[in-house]
N, C-alpha and C. Protein backbone atom coordinates (compact mmCIF):
# COMPACT_ATOMS: atom_id res chain seq x y z
N MET A 1 110.43 126.34 136.09
CA MET A 1 110.11 124.97 135.66
C MET A 1 110.81 123.92 136.70
N THR A 2 109.91 122.96 137.07
CA THR A 2 110.56 121.98 137.96
C THR A 2 111.38 120.91 137.43
N ASP A 3 112.21 120.34 138.14
CA ASP A 3 113.17 119.27 137.53
C ASP A 3 112.35 118.25 136.74
N ASN A 4 111.19 117.90 137.44
CA ASN A 4 110.43 116.86 136.82
C ASN A 4 110.04 117.28 135.53
N LEU A 5 109.46 118.50 135.46
CA LEU A 5 108.92 118.97 134.03
C LEU A 5 110.01 119.23 133.13
N SER A 6 111.21 119.43 133.43
CA SER A 6 112.41 119.64 132.68
C SER A 6 112.59 118.17 132.00
N HIS A 7 112.46 117.23 132.78
CA HIS A 7 112.79 115.75 132.33
C HIS A 7 111.61 115.39 131.17
N GLU A 8 110.46 115.89 131.60
CA GLU A 8 109.31 115.51 130.75
C GLU A 8 109.37 116.16 129.36
N LEU A 9 109.85 117.48 129.41
CA LEU A 9 110.06 118.24 128.13
C LEU A 9 111.50 118.64 128.00
N PRO A 10 112.29 117.61 127.55
CA PRO A 10 113.63 117.85 127.30
C PRO A 10 113.83 118.62 126.07
N ASN A 11 115.07 119.38 126.05
CA ASN A 11 115.45 120.02 124.74
C ASN A 11 117.03 119.86 124.75
N PRO A 12 117.49 118.95 123.78
CA PRO A 12 116.79 118.42 122.60
C PRO A 12 115.86 117.25 122.93
N LEU A 13 114.87 116.95 122.17
CA LEU A 13 113.90 116.00 122.40
C LEU A 13 114.41 114.86 121.39
N LEU A 14 114.80 113.71 122.17
CA LEU A 14 115.31 112.48 121.47
C LEU A 14 114.10 111.59 121.15
N VAL A 15 113.98 111.14 119.80
CA VAL A 15 112.92 110.40 119.29
C VAL A 15 113.36 109.10 118.67
N MET A 16 112.91 107.96 119.07
CA MET A 16 113.22 106.64 118.43
C MET A 16 111.96 105.89 118.23
N ALA A 17 111.93 104.86 117.53
CA ALA A 17 110.79 103.97 117.15
C ALA A 17 110.63 103.20 118.33
N LEU A 18 111.56 102.44 118.72
CA LEU A 18 111.42 101.30 119.62
C LEU A 18 112.42 101.27 120.82
N PRO A 19 112.10 100.71 121.95
CA PRO A 19 113.20 100.59 123.04
C PRO A 19 114.26 99.66 122.48
N LEU A 20 113.88 98.75 121.61
CA LEU A 20 115.03 97.83 121.00
C LEU A 20 116.05 98.55 120.39
N GLU A 21 115.76 99.73 119.80
CA GLU A 21 116.76 100.53 119.16
C GLU A 21 117.69 101.31 120.16
N SER A 22 117.34 101.52 121.23
CA SER A 22 118.01 102.10 122.37
C SER A 22 118.86 101.14 122.98
N GLN A 23 118.58 99.89 123.25
CA GLN A 23 119.20 98.91 123.79
C GLN A 23 119.40 99.25 125.33
N GLY A 24 118.75 100.12 125.73
CA GLY A 24 119.02 100.46 127.25
C GLY A 24 120.20 101.34 127.53
N VAL A 25 120.79 101.79 126.49
CA VAL A 25 122.10 102.62 126.78
C VAL A 25 121.69 104.03 127.25
N PHE A 26 120.53 104.59 126.63
CA PHE A 26 120.13 105.96 126.95
C PHE A 26 119.53 105.84 128.41
N GLU A 27 118.65 104.89 128.64
CA GLU A 27 117.99 104.81 129.97
C GLU A 27 119.23 104.60 131.05
N ALA A 28 120.26 104.01 130.70
CA ALA A 28 121.35 103.78 131.74
C ALA A 28 121.97 105.13 132.02
N ALA A 29 121.98 105.88 130.99
CA ALA A 29 122.68 107.45 131.10
C ALA A 29 121.64 108.44 131.61
N GLY A 30 120.38 107.98 131.94
CA GLY A 30 119.48 108.98 132.39
C GLY A 30 118.93 109.86 131.32
N ILE A 31 118.91 109.53 130.17
CA ILE A 31 118.47 110.39 128.88
C ILE A 31 116.99 109.91 128.41
N PRO A 32 116.08 110.85 128.66
CA PRO A 32 114.74 110.52 128.18
C PRO A 32 114.63 110.38 126.84
N ILE A 33 113.68 109.50 126.35
CA ILE A 33 113.49 109.23 124.90
C ILE A 33 111.88 109.22 124.57
N LEU A 34 111.56 109.68 123.54
CA LEU A 34 110.14 109.54 123.12
C LEU A 34 110.09 108.34 122.14
N TYR A 35 109.42 107.26 122.58
CA TYR A 35 109.38 106.02 121.63
C TYR A 35 107.85 106.30 120.94
N THR A 36 108.00 106.11 119.67
CA THR A 36 106.86 106.47 118.87
C THR A 36 106.11 105.15 118.53
N GLY A 37 106.66 104.14 118.45
CA GLY A 37 106.08 102.81 117.87
C GLY A 37 106.44 102.84 116.33
N ILE A 38 106.21 101.84 115.76
CA ILE A 38 106.60 101.50 114.42
C ILE A 38 105.47 102.04 113.29
N GLY A 39 106.19 102.72 112.14
CA GLY A 39 105.22 103.20 111.08
C GLY A 39 105.04 104.71 111.23
N LYS A 40 104.62 105.14 109.98
CA LYS A 40 104.43 106.60 109.82
C LYS A 40 103.30 107.20 110.73
N VAL A 41 102.29 106.42 110.81
CA VAL A 41 101.08 107.00 111.57
C VAL A 41 101.45 107.02 113.08
N ASN A 42 102.09 106.11 113.69
CA ASN A 42 102.48 106.03 115.04
C ASN A 42 103.39 107.17 115.17
N ALA A 43 104.45 107.43 114.23
CA ALA A 43 105.42 108.34 114.35
C ALA A 43 104.77 109.75 114.44
N ALA A 44 104.03 109.98 113.43
CA ALA A 44 103.46 111.31 113.49
C ALA A 44 102.53 111.69 114.62
N TYR A 45 101.76 110.63 115.07
CA TYR A 45 100.86 111.00 116.25
C TYR A 45 101.81 111.18 117.41
N ALA A 46 102.69 110.38 117.61
CA ALA A 46 103.45 110.40 118.91
C ALA A 46 104.25 111.80 119.05
N LEU A 47 104.81 112.15 117.98
CA LEU A 47 105.66 113.41 118.02
C LEU A 47 104.71 114.69 117.99
N THR A 48 103.49 114.57 117.38
CA THR A 48 102.55 115.83 117.39
C THR A 48 102.13 115.98 118.82
N ARG A 49 101.80 114.86 119.46
CA ARG A 49 101.11 114.98 120.72
C ARG A 49 102.24 115.42 121.68
N LYS A 50 103.46 115.05 121.50
CA LYS A 50 104.65 115.57 122.40
C LYS A 50 104.76 117.00 122.21
N LEU A 51 104.82 117.42 120.96
CA LEU A 51 105.15 118.85 120.83
C LEU A 51 103.94 119.69 121.35
N ALA A 52 102.80 119.11 121.33
CA ALA A 52 101.72 119.94 122.03
C ALA A 52 101.85 120.22 123.46
N GLU A 53 102.58 119.22 124.09
CA GLU A 53 102.86 119.46 125.55
C GLU A 53 103.69 120.64 125.84
N TYR A 54 104.74 120.90 124.87
CA TYR A 54 105.48 121.96 124.97
C TYR A 54 104.72 123.28 124.86
N ALA A 55 103.73 123.25 123.93
CA ALA A 55 103.01 124.33 123.62
C ALA A 55 102.10 124.75 124.89
N ARG A 56 101.56 123.74 125.30
CA ARG A 56 100.47 123.87 126.71
C ARG A 56 101.46 124.40 127.82
N ALA A 57 102.65 124.00 127.86
CA ALA A 57 103.54 124.42 128.96
C ALA A 57 104.18 125.70 128.90
N GLY A 58 103.86 126.34 127.71
CA GLY A 58 104.55 127.58 127.28
C GLY A 58 105.94 127.48 127.02
N GLN A 59 106.44 126.43 126.75
CA GLN A 59 107.84 126.21 126.40
C GLN A 59 108.10 126.18 124.87
N PRO A 60 109.36 126.85 124.57
CA PRO A 60 109.78 126.89 123.19
C PRO A 60 109.83 125.48 122.62
N VAL A 61 109.62 125.33 121.24
CA VAL A 61 109.80 124.06 120.64
C VAL A 61 111.16 123.49 120.70
N PRO A 62 111.41 122.16 120.92
CA PRO A 62 112.75 121.73 121.10
C PRO A 62 113.36 121.39 119.71
N GLN A 63 114.74 121.19 119.85
CA GLN A 63 115.35 120.52 118.72
C GLN A 63 114.96 119.07 118.60
N VAL A 64 114.45 118.51 117.67
CA VAL A 64 114.10 117.07 117.62
C VAL A 64 115.13 116.36 116.92
N ILE A 65 115.63 115.31 117.68
CA ILE A 65 116.84 114.45 117.08
C ILE A 65 116.17 113.02 116.96
N ASN A 66 116.19 112.54 115.74
CA ASN A 66 115.72 111.14 115.59
C ASN A 66 116.96 110.27 115.35
N PHE A 67 117.11 109.31 116.10
CA PHE A 67 118.09 108.14 115.84
C PHE A 67 117.24 106.92 115.52
N GLY A 68 117.70 106.26 114.51
CA GLY A 68 117.06 104.95 114.12
C GLY A 68 117.80 104.17 113.24
N THR A 69 117.33 102.89 112.94
CA THR A 69 118.08 102.11 112.08
C THR A 69 117.34 101.99 110.81
N ALA A 70 118.08 101.58 109.81
CA ALA A 70 117.82 101.71 108.40
C ALA A 70 118.34 100.60 107.53
N GLY A 71 117.80 100.21 106.52
CA GLY A 71 118.36 99.41 105.44
C GLY A 71 118.83 100.19 104.36
N SER A 72 119.84 99.60 103.57
CA SER A 72 120.40 100.35 102.52
C SER A 72 120.94 99.35 101.53
N ARG A 73 120.74 99.65 100.17
CA ARG A 73 121.42 99.01 99.09
C ARG A 73 122.56 99.69 98.61
N ARG A 74 122.81 100.93 99.00
CA ARG A 74 123.82 101.89 98.62
C ARG A 74 124.93 101.93 99.71
N HIS A 75 124.82 101.75 100.79
CA HIS A 75 125.72 101.89 101.93
C HIS A 75 125.94 100.54 102.59
N ARG A 76 127.15 100.19 103.05
CA ARG A 76 127.39 98.85 103.66
C ARG A 76 126.88 99.07 105.25
N THR A 77 126.66 97.84 105.70
CA THR A 77 126.18 97.76 107.08
C THR A 77 127.14 98.37 108.03
N GLY A 78 126.73 99.08 109.03
CA GLY A 78 127.58 99.80 109.99
C GLY A 78 127.86 101.24 109.52
N THR A 79 127.34 101.65 108.46
CA THR A 79 127.51 103.10 108.00
C THR A 79 126.49 103.93 108.77
N VAL A 80 126.94 105.09 109.26
CA VAL A 80 126.25 106.05 109.90
C VAL A 80 126.06 107.28 109.09
N LEU A 81 124.73 107.50 108.75
CA LEU A 81 124.45 108.76 107.95
C LEU A 81 123.60 109.68 108.58
N GLU A 82 123.74 111.00 108.39
CA GLU A 82 122.75 111.99 108.62
C GLU A 82 121.80 112.30 107.46
N CYS A 83 120.58 111.97 107.62
CA CYS A 83 119.48 112.12 106.64
C CYS A 83 119.13 113.56 106.65
N ASN A 84 119.42 114.24 105.55
CA ASN A 84 119.00 115.63 105.42
C ASN A 84 117.95 115.89 104.35
N ALA A 85 117.40 114.62 103.84
CA ALA A 85 116.33 114.83 102.96
C ALA A 85 115.43 113.41 103.13
N PHE A 86 114.16 113.68 103.01
CA PHE A 86 113.20 112.58 103.30
C PHE A 86 112.12 112.57 102.21
N VAL A 87 111.73 111.29 101.82
CA VAL A 87 110.69 111.04 100.86
C VAL A 87 109.87 110.07 101.35
N GLN A 88 108.56 109.94 100.88
CA GLN A 88 107.59 108.77 101.14
C GLN A 88 107.53 107.83 100.02
N ARG A 89 108.39 106.75 100.29
CA ARG A 89 108.53 105.63 99.31
C ARG A 89 107.23 104.95 98.90
N ASP A 90 106.28 105.01 99.81
CA ASP A 90 105.09 104.17 99.50
C ASP A 90 103.72 105.08 99.13
N MET A 91 104.16 106.34 98.99
CA MET A 91 102.87 107.26 98.57
C MET A 91 102.79 107.08 96.99
N ASP A 92 101.85 106.15 96.66
CA ASP A 92 101.72 105.84 95.16
C ASP A 92 100.19 106.20 94.64
N VAL A 93 100.23 107.47 93.94
CA VAL A 93 98.94 107.91 93.46
C VAL A 93 99.15 108.00 91.87
N THR A 94 100.13 107.15 91.42
CA THR A 94 100.51 107.17 89.90
C THR A 94 99.25 106.82 89.11
N GLY A 95 98.36 106.06 89.74
CA GLY A 95 97.00 105.83 88.91
C GLY A 95 96.24 107.04 88.54
N LEU A 96 96.50 108.20 89.07
CA LEU A 96 95.96 109.52 88.79
C LEU A 96 96.85 110.29 88.14
N GLY A 97 98.05 109.78 87.73
CA GLY A 97 99.05 110.56 86.83
C GLY A 97 100.06 111.39 87.85
N VAL A 98 100.05 111.02 89.13
CA VAL A 98 100.83 111.78 90.11
C VAL A 98 102.12 110.98 90.28
N PRO A 99 103.28 111.72 90.18
CA PRO A 99 104.48 110.93 90.35
C PRO A 99 104.53 110.20 91.70
N LEU A 100 105.32 108.96 91.67
CA LEU A 100 105.65 108.27 92.84
C LEU A 100 106.23 109.13 93.99
N GLY A 101 105.61 109.06 95.19
CA GLY A 101 106.21 109.77 96.30
C GLY A 101 105.62 111.15 96.54
N VAL A 102 104.77 111.50 95.70
CA VAL A 102 104.14 112.86 95.68
C VAL A 102 102.73 112.78 96.26
N THR A 103 102.41 113.41 97.27
CA THR A 103 101.07 113.43 98.01
C THR A 103 100.27 114.55 97.22
N PRO A 104 99.12 114.10 96.49
CA PRO A 104 98.52 115.13 95.70
C PRO A 104 97.54 115.98 96.56
N PHE A 105 97.34 117.17 96.04
CA PHE A 105 96.48 118.18 96.53
C PHE A 105 97.00 118.88 97.78
N GLU A 106 98.21 118.95 97.87
CA GLU A 106 98.94 119.64 99.11
C GLU A 106 100.15 120.54 98.49
N ASP A 107 100.46 121.49 99.17
CA ASP A 107 101.54 122.47 98.79
C ASP A 107 102.89 121.97 99.33
N ILE A 108 102.88 121.14 100.21
CA ILE A 108 104.17 120.65 100.91
C ILE A 108 105.03 119.94 99.94
N PRO A 109 106.32 120.25 99.96
CA PRO A 109 107.10 119.58 98.87
C PRO A 109 107.29 118.06 99.28
N SER A 110 107.26 117.16 98.35
CA SER A 110 107.37 115.68 98.39
C SER A 110 108.69 115.33 98.87
N ARG A 111 109.84 116.19 98.73
CA ARG A 111 111.11 115.90 99.37
C ARG A 111 111.31 117.05 100.32
N LEU A 112 111.42 116.52 101.63
CA LEU A 112 111.70 117.54 102.69
C LEU A 112 113.17 117.56 103.03
N GLU A 113 113.72 118.79 103.09
CA GLU A 113 115.13 118.85 103.27
C GLU A 113 115.36 119.77 104.56
N PHE A 114 116.48 119.34 105.26
CA PHE A 114 116.82 119.98 106.57
C PHE A 114 118.41 120.34 106.64
N PRO A 115 118.88 121.24 107.36
CA PRO A 115 120.22 121.45 107.37
C PRO A 115 121.03 120.49 108.14
N ALA A 116 122.17 120.19 107.72
CA ALA A 116 122.96 119.06 108.49
C ALA A 116 123.64 119.72 109.66
N ARG A 117 123.70 118.83 110.74
CA ARG A 117 124.41 119.28 111.97
C ARG A 117 125.64 118.47 112.35
N PHE A 118 125.86 117.25 111.60
CA PHE A 118 127.12 116.50 111.88
C PHE A 118 127.87 116.58 110.73
N ASP A 119 128.94 117.56 110.66
CA ASP A 119 129.85 117.67 109.55
C ASP A 119 130.57 116.39 109.25
N GLN A 120 130.91 115.57 110.25
CA GLN A 120 131.78 114.40 110.10
C GLN A 120 131.05 113.16 109.33
N LEU A 121 129.62 113.38 109.38
CA LEU A 121 128.86 112.20 108.67
C LEU A 121 128.45 112.42 107.30
N PRO A 122 128.45 111.35 106.57
CA PRO A 122 127.85 111.46 105.02
C PRO A 122 126.34 111.71 105.17
N SER A 123 126.00 112.50 104.31
CA SER A 123 124.52 112.83 104.20
C SER A 123 123.89 111.96 103.31
N GLY A 124 122.48 111.78 103.32
CA GLY A 124 121.72 110.96 102.45
C GLY A 124 120.24 111.30 102.38
N CYS A 125 119.48 110.65 101.67
CA CYS A 125 118.06 110.69 101.58
C CYS A 125 117.44 109.57 102.18
N CYS A 126 116.45 109.74 103.06
CA CYS A 126 115.78 108.63 103.65
C CYS A 126 114.38 108.48 103.05
N GLY A 127 114.10 107.19 102.66
CA GLY A 127 112.83 106.86 102.06
C GLY A 127 111.99 106.07 103.02
N SER A 128 110.85 106.71 103.56
CA SER A 128 110.05 105.99 104.58
C SER A 128 108.89 105.38 103.98
N GLY A 129 108.32 104.35 104.54
CA GLY A 129 107.24 103.54 104.20
C GLY A 129 106.78 102.54 105.22
N ASP A 130 105.48 102.19 105.11
CA ASP A 130 105.04 101.22 106.06
C ASP A 130 105.21 99.80 105.61
N SER A 131 106.53 99.56 105.38
CA SER A 131 106.87 98.13 105.10
C SER A 131 108.40 98.01 105.44
N PHE A 132 108.73 96.78 105.89
CA PHE A 132 110.06 96.47 106.27
C PHE A 132 110.69 96.04 104.80
N VAL A 133 111.67 96.81 104.39
CA VAL A 133 112.12 96.57 102.91
C VAL A 133 113.16 95.24 102.88
N MET A 134 112.89 94.53 101.98
CA MET A 134 113.69 93.38 101.61
C MET A 134 113.97 93.31 100.16
N SER A 135 113.83 94.36 99.41
CA SER A 135 114.22 94.37 98.02
C SER A 135 114.49 95.93 97.70
N GLU A 136 114.88 96.19 96.42
CA GLU A 136 115.22 97.63 96.04
C GLU A 136 113.94 98.42 96.14
N ALA A 137 114.01 99.51 96.72
CA ALA A 137 112.87 100.59 96.80
C ALA A 137 112.68 101.20 95.56
N ALA A 138 111.38 101.36 95.19
CA ALA A 138 111.05 101.93 93.89
C ALA A 138 111.33 103.44 93.74
N LEU A 139 111.35 104.12 94.82
CA LEU A 139 111.76 105.48 94.84
C LEU A 139 113.20 105.69 95.21
N GLU A 140 114.00 106.51 94.62
CA GLU A 140 115.35 106.71 94.88
C GLU A 140 115.60 107.26 96.12
N CYS A 141 116.40 106.43 96.99
CA CYS A 141 116.79 107.09 98.23
C CYS A 141 118.11 106.25 98.84
N ASP A 142 118.70 106.80 99.48
CA ASP A 142 120.03 106.18 100.32
C ASP A 142 119.77 105.06 101.25
N VAL A 143 118.70 105.33 102.16
CA VAL A 143 118.39 104.37 103.13
C VAL A 143 116.91 104.33 103.25
N VAL A 144 116.43 103.07 103.85
CA VAL A 144 114.88 103.00 103.96
C VAL A 144 114.62 102.76 105.35
N ASP A 145 113.49 103.35 105.81
CA ASP A 145 112.97 103.12 107.18
C ASP A 145 111.49 103.22 107.30
N MET A 146 110.96 103.32 108.40
CA MET A 146 109.42 103.38 108.51
C MET A 146 108.91 104.52 109.25
N GLU A 147 109.87 105.49 109.69
CA GLU A 147 109.21 106.54 110.44
C GLU A 147 109.86 107.85 110.12
N GLY A 148 110.94 108.05 109.40
CA GLY A 148 111.61 109.26 109.23
C GLY A 148 110.92 110.30 108.55
N TYR A 149 110.29 110.07 107.44
CA TYR A 149 109.51 111.03 106.69
C TYR A 149 108.39 111.67 107.48
N ALA A 150 107.65 110.74 108.29
CA ALA A 150 106.62 111.20 109.08
C ALA A 150 107.20 112.24 110.24
N LEU A 151 108.20 112.00 110.74
CA LEU A 151 108.81 112.81 111.75
C LEU A 151 109.26 114.04 111.11
N ALA A 152 109.78 114.00 109.94
CA ALA A 152 110.27 115.16 109.15
C ALA A 152 109.29 116.03 108.79
N LYS A 153 108.05 115.48 108.51
CA LYS A 153 106.94 116.31 107.93
C LYS A 153 106.31 117.03 109.08
N VAL A 154 106.12 116.37 110.16
CA VAL A 154 105.58 117.00 111.52
C VAL A 154 106.50 118.20 111.90
N CYS A 155 107.83 118.12 111.82
CA CYS A 155 108.75 119.18 112.08
C CYS A 155 108.69 120.30 111.02
N TRP A 156 108.57 119.97 109.80
CA TRP A 156 108.54 120.96 108.75
C TRP A 156 107.32 121.73 108.82
N MET A 157 106.10 121.08 109.12
CA MET A 157 104.90 121.71 109.24
C MET A 157 104.87 122.77 110.48
N GLU A 158 105.51 122.25 111.58
CA GLU A 158 105.42 122.92 112.85
C GLU A 158 106.64 123.90 113.08
N ARG A 159 107.61 123.86 111.89
CA ARG A 159 108.72 124.75 112.13
C ARG A 159 109.47 124.52 113.32
N VAL A 160 109.95 123.04 113.45
CA VAL A 160 110.63 122.65 114.51
C VAL A 160 112.09 122.21 113.78
N PRO A 161 113.10 122.56 114.49
CA PRO A 161 114.41 122.14 113.92
C PRO A 161 114.52 120.53 114.02
N PHE A 162 114.94 119.85 113.12
CA PHE A 162 114.95 118.37 112.88
C PHE A 162 116.24 117.90 112.46
N THR A 163 116.86 116.95 113.24
CA THR A 163 118.04 116.12 112.70
C THR A 163 117.77 114.66 112.87
N SER A 164 118.11 113.93 111.83
CA SER A 164 117.96 112.42 111.81
C SER A 164 119.16 111.74 111.51
N VAL A 165 119.49 110.78 112.26
CA VAL A 165 120.75 109.99 112.03
C VAL A 165 120.34 108.52 111.91
N LYS A 166 120.71 107.83 110.81
CA LYS A 166 120.36 106.49 110.59
C LYS A 166 121.75 105.60 110.58
N TYR A 167 121.58 104.54 111.35
CA TYR A 167 122.68 103.42 111.32
C TYR A 167 122.14 102.31 110.37
N VAL A 168 123.00 102.10 109.44
CA VAL A 168 122.63 100.96 108.47
C VAL A 168 122.90 99.62 109.08
N THR A 169 121.79 98.95 109.43
CA THR A 169 121.87 97.69 109.97
C THR A 169 121.80 96.53 109.12
N ASP A 170 121.24 96.74 107.82
CA ASP A 170 121.08 95.62 107.00
C ASP A 170 120.98 96.22 105.54
N GLY A 171 121.00 95.11 104.51
CA GLY A 171 121.08 95.55 103.27
C GLY A 171 119.87 95.72 102.44
N ALA A 172 118.73 95.64 103.21
CA ALA A 172 117.45 95.73 102.60
C ALA A 172 117.18 94.46 101.61
N ASP A 173 117.58 93.44 102.18
CA ASP A 173 117.44 92.20 101.29
C ASP A 173 116.95 91.00 102.08
N HIS A 174 117.15 89.89 101.48
CA HIS A 174 116.46 88.68 102.19
C HIS A 174 116.98 88.43 103.60
N ALA A 175 118.10 88.97 103.99
CA ALA A 175 118.79 88.70 105.36
C ALA A 175 118.55 89.87 106.20
N SER A 176 117.64 90.80 105.87
CA SER A 176 117.46 92.02 106.66
C SER A 176 117.12 91.78 107.99
N GLY A 177 116.00 90.97 108.26
CA GLY A 177 115.59 90.67 109.61
C GLY A 177 116.57 90.32 110.54
N GLN A 178 117.34 89.30 110.11
CA GLN A 178 118.32 88.77 111.00
C GLN A 178 119.44 89.81 111.23
N ASP A 179 119.93 90.51 110.24
CA ASP A 179 120.94 91.51 110.24
C ASP A 179 120.65 92.71 111.37
N TRP A 180 119.31 92.96 110.96
CA TRP A 180 118.84 94.17 111.91
C TRP A 180 118.90 93.85 113.42
N HIS A 181 118.53 92.65 113.79
CA HIS A 181 118.69 92.22 115.32
C HIS A 181 120.10 92.31 115.74
N SER A 182 120.99 91.67 114.87
CA SER A 182 122.38 91.57 115.20
C SER A 182 123.16 92.88 115.33
N ASN A 183 122.73 93.85 114.71
CA ASN A 183 123.40 95.15 114.76
C ASN A 183 122.77 96.21 115.72
N LEU A 184 121.75 95.93 116.39
CA LEU A 184 121.14 96.95 117.29
C LEU A 184 121.96 97.60 118.26
N LYS A 185 122.79 96.86 118.97
CA LYS A 185 123.55 97.35 120.02
C LYS A 185 124.73 98.17 119.48
N LEU A 186 125.22 97.82 118.34
CA LEU A 186 126.29 98.72 117.79
C LEU A 186 125.74 100.01 117.42
N ALA A 187 124.48 100.04 116.80
CA ALA A 187 123.93 101.20 116.44
C ALA A 187 123.55 102.05 117.74
N ALA A 188 123.06 101.48 118.82
CA ALA A 188 122.72 102.28 120.09
C ALA A 188 123.96 102.95 120.67
N ASP A 189 125.10 102.24 120.63
CA ASP A 189 126.43 102.84 121.08
C ASP A 189 126.76 103.97 120.27
N GLN A 190 126.59 103.97 118.88
CA GLN A 190 126.96 105.03 118.08
C GLN A 190 126.01 106.19 118.35
N PHE A 191 124.69 105.92 118.54
CA PHE A 191 123.80 107.02 118.78
C PHE A 191 124.13 107.81 120.09
N LEU A 192 124.35 106.95 121.08
CA LEU A 192 124.66 107.71 122.40
C LEU A 192 126.04 108.73 122.18
N ALA A 193 126.93 108.15 121.41
CA ALA A 193 128.13 108.93 121.19
C ALA A 193 127.84 110.30 120.58
N LEU A 194 126.77 110.12 119.55
CA LEU A 194 126.48 111.46 118.85
C LEU A 194 125.60 112.29 119.76
N TYR A 195 124.74 111.71 120.51
CA TYR A 195 123.99 112.62 121.30
C TYR A 195 124.88 113.28 122.35
N ARG A 196 125.80 112.74 122.84
CA ARG A 196 126.64 113.42 123.76
C ARG A 196 127.49 114.52 123.06
N GLN A 197 127.60 114.38 121.88
CA GLN A 197 128.38 115.39 120.99
C GLN A 197 127.52 116.51 120.94
N ILE A 198 126.21 116.36 120.65
CA ILE A 198 125.25 117.52 120.55
C ILE A 198 125.02 118.10 122.01
N SER A 199 124.73 117.36 122.94
CA SER A 199 124.53 117.99 124.35
C SER A 199 125.74 118.73 124.93
N ALA A 200 126.84 118.43 124.37
CA ALA A 200 128.08 119.11 124.84
C ALA A 200 128.25 120.57 124.23
N ARG A 201 127.40 120.76 123.05
CA ARG A 201 127.57 122.03 122.36
C ARG A 201 126.96 123.12 123.12
N PRO A 202 127.55 124.37 123.25
CA PRO A 202 126.87 125.51 123.97
C PRO A 202 125.51 125.85 123.39
């Protein structure tokens, strides 16, 4: 494998929604990132397409690491959590008698769980949906975001190891937008420190 291809197909594969969440700290360190765009559809498409590149190149699947920001009504701003469970907070087929968060007519669990990798971090459940939350989520979860469940589902279906860490930037309330912007750099610095911890492992 050439150095260029190694850069294009890194292992671990770092995934984030937006360059805003990286704040340039990973680029400055020469660490490649897959940016997916906002929302579950964009996240699922971008990650699936990237994993297909590994298959075409005959490379083993990478460990996927998702760093991202999240809102929370349960944890204070500045908390860093490892999400080891994921639910889809806006999957609502209750009109057909299906519980909130459950996708009907499929065998995949509605709550996807993965082993923890950061012993020092509290764990929690991430509720993903295509909305920027400014009120209490209807489905029980510790943090809310817009991509985590989609990334987790792709990894679960493709049998890819998955790790997701969320930095709580806001309280999922009326001030969420302003708080999110104010805390992006703090989140990026925390993510870089955690990434270096993983990359230092044998």
